[in-house]
Amino acid sequence: MSKQLLHLVFGGRLVDPQTVDFQNTDELDIVGIFPSYDEAYAAWRGAAQKTVDDAHMRYFIVHLHRMLDPHMNKKKEEATA
């Protein structure tokens, strides 16, 4: 069984579409937490598609597993060096 890699999908209205500053963090849309990137991507795509005509609305995928184990990427880099 492969290691569980958690991903958070969320979005909200941006102050400016060129930045990642949200207008109101109390109104962020938390789509969910997913056990694989493929599932997170499908959820992100669905949420983003609903707001495709609103340039100020943007959704993101956050790799929670990288935050939970910040040494994971360093271990991978060392293994390939």
Protein backbone atom coordinates (compact mmCIF):
# COMPACT_ATOMS: atom_id res chain seq x y z
CA MET A 1 0.00 0.00 0.00
CA SER A 2 1.36 3.42 -0.93
CA LYS A 3 1.82 6.24 1.56
CA GLN A 4 -1.23 8.44 2.11
CA LEU A 5 -0.69 11.90 0.61
CA LEU A 6 -3.33 14.35 1.85
CA HIS A 7 -4.40 17.33 -0.27
CA LEU A 8 -6.64 20.27 0.68
CA VAL A 9 -8.79 21.95 -1.97
CA PHE A 10 -10.10 25.43 -1.19
CA GLY A 11 -10.83 28.71 -2.87
CA GLY A 12 -12.15 32.19 -2.50
CA ARG A 13 -12.55 35.62 -3.98
CA LEU A 14 -9.26 37.44 -4.53
CA VAL A 15 -8.64 41.15 -4.07
CA ASP A 16 -6.77 41.14 -7.39
CA PRO A 17 -6.58 38.16 -9.79
CA GLN A 18 -2.80 38.73 -10.06
CA THR A 19 -2.28 38.01 -6.33
CA VAL A 20 -3.27 35.39 -3.77
CA ASP A 21 -4.75 37.85 -1.27
CA PHE A 22 -8.32 36.94 -0.38
CA GLN A 23 -11.03 39.58 0.00
CA ASN A 24 -12.60 37.85 3.01
CA THR A 25 -11.04 34.80 4.64
CA ASP A 26 -14.30 34.15 6.53
CA GLU A 27 -15.90 33.27 3.19
CA LEU A 28 -13.30 30.77 1.92
CA ASP A 29 -14.83 27.74 0.24
CA ILE A 30 -13.28 24.61 1.78
CA VAL A 31 -14.00 21.93 -0.82
CA GLY A 32 -12.38 19.14 1.18
CA ILE A 33 -9.36 17.02 2.03
CA PHE A 34 -8.49 14.19 -0.35
CA PRO A 35 -6.18 11.17 -0.03
CA SER A 36 -4.60 11.50 -3.47
CA TYR A 37 -3.64 14.22 -5.91
CA ASP A 38 -5.92 12.76 -8.59
CA GLU A 39 -8.97 13.03 -6.33
CA ALA A 40 -7.96 16.54 -5.23
CA TYR A 41 -7.47 17.58 -8.85
CA ALA A 42 -10.93 16.31 -9.80
CA ALA A 43 -12.48 18.26 -6.90
CA TRP A 44 -10.46 21.38 -7.75
CA ARG A 45 -11.51 21.16 -11.39
CA GLY A 46 -15.18 20.81 -10.47
CA ALA A 47 -15.08 23.77 -8.08
CA ALA A 48 -13.10 25.95 -10.48
CA GLN A 49 -15.41 25.12 -13.38
CA LYS A 50 -18.41 26.46 -11.43
CA THR A 51 -16.74 29.88 -11.19
CA VAL A 52 -14.96 29.99 -14.55
CA ASP A 53 -16.62 33.30 -15.50
CA ASP A 54 -15.51 35.06 -12.29
CA ALA A 55 -11.88 36.20 -12.65
CA HIS A 56 -11.62 37.07 -8.95
CA MET A 57 -12.60 33.57 -7.78
CA ARG A 58 -9.75 31.08 -7.57
CA TYR A 59 -9.25 27.57 -6.18
CA PHE A 60 -6.05 25.93 -4.95
CA ILE A 61 -4.66 22.50 -4.12
CA VAL A 62 -2.46 22.44 -1.02
CA HIS A 63 -0.18 19.45 -0.48
CA LEU A 64 -0.91 18.87 3.22
CA HIS A 65 1.43 15.89 3.37
CA ARG A 66 4.34 18.24 2.69
CA MET A 67 3.32 20.39 5.64
CA LEU A 68 2.78 17.40 7.94
CA ASP A 69 6.19 15.92 7.07
CA PRO A 70 8.42 18.76 5.86
CA HIS A 71 11.44 16.43 5.79
CA MET A 72 9.80 14.16 3.18
CA ASN A 73 11.01 16.29 0.25
CA LYS A 74 14.50 16.53 1.74
CA LYS A 75 14.62 12.73 2.12
CA LYS A 76 13.60 12.32 -1.55
CA GLU A 77 16.29 14.78 -2.66
CA GLU A 78 18.95 12.98 -0.61
CA ALA A 79 17.87 9.59 -2.01
CA THR A 80 18.27 10.80 -5.61
CA ALA A 81 21.63 12.58 -5.04
